[in-house]
């Protein structure tokens, strides 16, 4: 059986309606990345709805998902969308969060959701570096897919870097992100924070459009898709 989140949801829909029902998500997250606010859409033929009102179908599905999904997947809302709605094509902006636990000791309670890195990081330097990435740019240097055929131009509206207790939290909002882009941008900012190069070097990395110039791809566990806005 399909062990992905998509596969688990599709299996419940397919069992309920006796035919294959496919869902479309707002985007693909790499294996090991978490999603707090993923959105997906699917179509159910009216003939299979037993004459129920659309809102009642939504309530029934919410109950089914609550009963049959494994405990690490939750559907928080099911609602009727317009005929033309598509969870990926209609996205206006997305927010991702990358979390680093920056202390000598591990965070045992949230270890699955943040990266443990004990190195000292200059948060102010990372904030200065982040300024160079704001706005509309060609982010080819921050794309994990070397064979990318489509445009690598994206717009980052906002990057915030906060210290919350022992945690350093990077929040990114943009119109969309390339494969591994947030993890590579975070790796590059951490390079700045740990003194590998100065903040202004990020402008040169961006200009180079060469992946090898940017920092490492950070591990998936620290990244969460936070919110999708339509």
Protein backbone atom coordinates (compact mmCIF):
# COMPACT_ATOMS: atom_id res chain seq x y z
CA UNK A 1 0.00 0.00 0.00
CA UNK A 2 1.00 3.63 -0.52
CA UNK A 3 2.58 4.83 2.74
CA UNK A 4 2.46 8.55 1.86
CA UNK A 5 -0.04 10.93 3.46
CA UNK A 6 -1.69 11.30 0.05
CA UNK A 7 -1.92 7.52 -0.28
CA UNK A 8 -3.53 7.12 3.15
CA UNK A 9 -6.20 9.74 2.40
CA UNK A 10 -6.89 8.38 -1.09
CA UNK A 11 -7.32 4.86 0.34
CA UNK A 12 -10.10 6.07 2.66
CA UNK A 13 -11.87 7.97 -0.15
CA UNK A 14 -11.52 5.04 -2.56
CA UNK A 15 -12.92 2.59 0.01
CA UNK A 16 -15.84 4.90 0.80
CA UNK A 17 -16.85 5.56 -2.82
CA UNK A 18 -15.89 2.29 -4.48
CA UNK A 19 -13.72 3.91 -7.12
CA UNK A 20 -10.31 5.57 -7.26
CA UNK A 21 -10.45 9.16 -6.00
CA UNK A 22 -7.19 11.08 -6.38
CA UNK A 23 -6.22 14.13 -4.37
CA UNK A 24 -4.02 17.08 -5.43
CA UNK A 25 -1.90 18.73 -2.74
CA UNK A 26 -0.71 22.35 -2.67
CA UNK A 27 2.81 21.10 -3.31
CA UNK A 28 5.16 18.20 -2.71
CA UNK A 29 7.12 18.19 0.52
CA UNK A 30 10.40 16.25 0.65
CA UNK A 31 10.42 13.00 2.63
CA UNK A 32 10.82 13.82 6.32
CA UNK A 33 9.42 17.36 6.05
CA UNK A 34 6.36 18.09 8.21
CA UNK A 35 3.18 19.90 7.21
CA UNK A 36 1.03 21.84 9.67
CA UNK A 37 -1.11 23.54 7.01
CA UNK A 38 -1.19 21.39 3.88
CA UNK A 39 -4.20 21.85 1.57
CA UNK A 40 -5.49 19.32 -0.96
CA UNK A 41 -8.48 19.06 -3.27
CA UNK A 42 -10.43 16.18 -4.81
CA UNK A 43 -13.65 15.63 -6.75
CA UNK A 44 -16.46 13.26 -5.83
CA UNK A 45 -18.99 12.47 -8.58
CA UNK A 46 -22.43 13.69 -7.50
CA UNK A 47 -23.93 10.28 -8.27
CA UNK A 48 -21.88 8.78 -5.43
CA UNK A 49 -23.11 11.23 -2.79
CA UNK A 50 -26.43 9.43 -2.06
CA UNK A 51 -28.39 12.65 -2.53
CA UNK A 52 -26.70 14.26 0.49
CA UNK A 53 -26.11 18.00 0.69
CA UNK A 54 -22.45 18.93 0.03
CA UNK A 55 -22.00 20.16 3.61
CA UNK A 56 -23.24 16.80 4.94
CA UNK A 57 -20.76 14.98 2.70
CA UNK A 58 -18.00 17.15 4.17
CA UNK A 59 -19.07 16.30 7.74
CA UNK A 60 -19.19 12.59 6.90
CA UNK A 61 -15.69 12.66 5.39
CA UNK A 62 -14.24 14.57 8.34
CA UNK A 63 -15.59 11.85 10.64
CA UNK A 64 -14.22 9.09 8.39
CA UNK A 65 -10.76 10.66 8.31
CA UNK A 66 -10.78 11.06 12.09
CA UNK A 67 -11.64 7.38 12.48
CA UNK A 68 -9.37 5.75 9.91
CA UNK A 69 -6.26 7.93 9.48
CA UNK A 70 -3.19 6.96 11.54
CA UNK A 71 -2.58 9.09 14.61
CA UNK A 72 0.20 11.15 12.99
CA UNK A 73 -2.13 12.48 10.24
CA UNK A 74 -5.11 14.75 10.93
CA UNK A 75 -7.59 16.36 8.57
CA UNK A 76 -8.72 19.53 10.33
CA UNK A 77 -11.36 20.73 7.88
CA UNK A 78 -13.29 19.53 4.82
CA UNK A 79 -15.21 22.09 2.82
CA UNK A 80 -16.84 22.59 -0.58
CA UNK A 81 -14.64 24.48 -3.05
CA UNK A 82 -15.53 26.17 -6.33
CA UNK A 83 -15.41 24.08 -9.52
CA UNK A 84 -12.25 25.86 -10.63
CA UNK A 85 -10.31 25.62 -7.36
CA UNK A 86 -6.95 23.84 -7.51
CA UNK A 87 -4.85 23.57 -4.35
CA UNK A 88 -1.54 24.05 -6.20
CA UNK A 89 -2.40 26.36 -9.09
CA UNK A 90 -4.38 28.87 -6.97
CA UNK A 91 -1.74 29.41 -4.26
CA UNK A 92 -1.02 33.10 -3.54
CA UNK A 93 1.66 32.52 -0.92
CA UNK A 94 3.14 29.86 1.33
CA UNK A 95 4.86 30.02 4.68
CA UNK A 96 7.49 27.53 5.83
CA UNK A 97 9.24 27.35 9.21
CA UNK A 98 12.70 25.88 9.84
CA UNK A 99 13.58 25.23 13.48
CA UNK A 100 17.04 24.78 14.98
CA UNK A 101 17.57 23.81 18.62
CA UNK A 102 20.74 25.76 19.39
CA UNK A 103 21.73 24.54 22.85
CA UNK A 104 24.37 22.22 24.32
CA UNK A 105 21.72 19.67 25.36
CA UNK A 106 19.08 18.09 23.07
CA UNK A 107 15.39 19.02 23.13
CA UNK A 108 13.97 15.57 23.85
CA UNK A 109 10.31 16.56 23.43
CA UNK A 110 10.57 18.21 20.00
CA UNK A 111 13.57 16.40 18.54
CA UNK A 112 11.52 15.15 15.56
CA UNK A 113 10.57 18.71 14.56
CA UNK A 114 13.83 20.61 14.86
CA UNK A 115 17.49 20.18 14.06
CA UNK A 116 19.92 20.09 16.98
CA UNK A 117 22.99 22.23 16.20
CA UNK A 118 25.25 23.29 19.07
CA UNK A 119 27.41 25.77 17.11
CA UNK A 120 27.24 29.43 18.10
CA UNK A 121 25.21 31.40 15.54
CA UNK A 122 25.27 35.17 15.04
CA UNK A 123 21.55 35.84 14.58
CA UNK A 124 22.05 39.49 13.61
CA UNK A 125 24.45 38.50 10.81
CA UNK A 126 21.90 35.95 9.54
CA UNK A 127 19.20 38.63 9.52
CA UNK A 128 21.46 40.91 7.48
CA UNK A 129 22.13 38.09 5.01
CA UNK A 130 18.41 37.33 4.69
CA UNK A 131 17.78 40.90 3.46
CA UNK A 132 19.61 40.08 0.20
CA UNK A 133 17.12 37.29 -0.54
CA UNK A 134 13.95 39.34 -0.23
CA UNK A 135 11.98 40.21 -3.36
CA UNK A 136 11.88 38.65 -6.81
CA UNK A 137 15.07 36.83 -7.84
CA UNK A 138 16.37 33.88 -9.83
CA UNK A 139 16.99 31.37 -7.03
CA UNK A 140 18.82 28.81 -9.22
CA UNK A 141 21.71 28.73 -6.71
CA UNK A 142 19.24 27.55 -4.06
CA UNK A 143 17.51 24.83 -6.12
CA UNK A 144 18.18 21.17 -5.34
CA UNK A 145 17.06 20.02 -8.79
CA UNK A 146 19.98 20.43 -11.21
CA UNK A 147 17.80 19.38 -14.16
CA UNK A 148 15.13 22.02 -13.46
CA UNK A 149 13.58 22.92 -16.83
CA UNK A 150 11.06 25.48 -15.58
CA UNK A 151 11.75 29.01 -14.32
CA UNK A 152 13.72 29.28 -11.08
CA UNK A 153 12.44 32.82 -10.45
CA UNK A 154 10.51 33.16 -7.20
CA UNK A 155 9.48 35.99 -4.84
CA UNK A 156 10.26 35.89 -1.12
CA UNK A 157 8.03 38.39 0.72
CA UNK A 158 9.40 37.94 4.22
CA UNK A 159 12.10 36.14 6.21
CA UNK A 160 12.08 36.39 9.99
CA UNK A 161 14.71 34.88 12.29
CA UNK A 162 13.67 34.70 15.94
CA UNK A 163 15.30 33.41 19.10
CA UNK A 164 12.75 31.58 21.24
CA UNK A 165 14.46 30.18 24.32
CA UNK A 166 17.10 27.78 22.96
CA UNK A 167 15.47 27.71 19.54
CA UNK A 168 16.36 29.71 16.43
CA UNK A 169 13.28 29.85 14.19
CA UNK A 170 13.45 30.84 10.52
CA UNK A 171 10.08 31.76 8.95
CA UNK A 172 9.82 32.18 5.17
CA UNK A 173 6.84 33.54 3.22
CA UNK A 174 6.86 33.61 -0.58
CA UNK A 175 4.81 32.96 -3.70
CA UNK A 176 6.32 29.48 -4.00
CA UNK A 177 9.60 27.67 -3.39
CA UNK A 178 11.88 25.45 -5.47
CA UNK A 179 12.87 21.89 -4.58
CA UNK A 180 14.97 21.96 -1.37
CA UNK A 181 15.06 25.79 -1.58
CA UNK A 182 14.19 26.54 2.05
CA UNK A 183 16.63 23.93 3.32
CA UNK A 184 19.44 25.34 1.13
CA UNK A 185 18.65 28.97 2.05
CA UNK A 186 18.69 27.99 5.73
CA UNK A 187 21.99 26.15 5.26
CA UNK A 188 23.43 29.29 3.64
CA UNK A 189 22.17 31.57 6.43
CA UNK A 190 23.64 29.17 9.02
CA UNK A 191 26.98 29.36 7.15
CA UNK A 192 26.79 33.14 7.67
CA UNK A 193 25.76 32.70 11.31
CA UNK A 194 28.71 30.40 12.02
CA UNK A 195 31.22 32.70 10.29
CA UNK A 196 31.89 30.74 7.06
CA UNK A 197 31.35 33.95 5.05
CA UNK A 198 29.98 37.46 5.67
CA UNK A 199 26.31 38.43 5.11
CA UNK A 200 27.00 40.33 1.85
CA UNK A 201 28.41 37.15 0.23
CA UNK A 202 24.81 35.90 -0.04
CA UNK A 203 24.23 38.50 -2.78
CA UNK A 204 27.11 36.96 -4.76
CA UNK A 205 25.73 33.44 -4.27
CA UNK A 206 22.35 34.61 -5.58
CA UNK A 207 24.01 36.30 -8.55
CA UNK A 208 26.08 33.20 -9.40
CA UNK A 209 22.99 31.00 -10.01
CA UNK A 210 25.27 28.04 -9.18
CA UNK A 211 24.06 25.53 -6.58
CA UNK A 212 27.60 24.65 -5.44
CA UNK A 213 28.16 28.27 -4.31
CA UNK A 214 25.36 28.12 -1.71
CA UNK A 215 25.36 26.40 1.67
CA UNK A 216 24.42 22.80 2.51
CA UNK A 217 20.91 21.37 2.26
CA UNK A 218 19.72 21.25 5.87
CA UNK A 219 18.11 18.01 7.13
CA UNK A 220 14.39 17.60 6.44
CA UNK A 221 13.30 17.13 10.06
CA UNK A 222 13.58 20.85 10.94
CA UNK A 223 11.22 22.00 8.18
CA UNK A 224 7.44 22.44 8.40
CA UNK A 225 4.99 23.72 5.78
CA UNK A 226 3.20 26.18 8.03
CA UNK A 227 0.45 27.82 5.99
CA UNK A 228 -0.91 28.06 2.43
CA UNK A 229 -2.87 31.17 1.45
CA UNK A 230 -5.30 31.40 -1.51
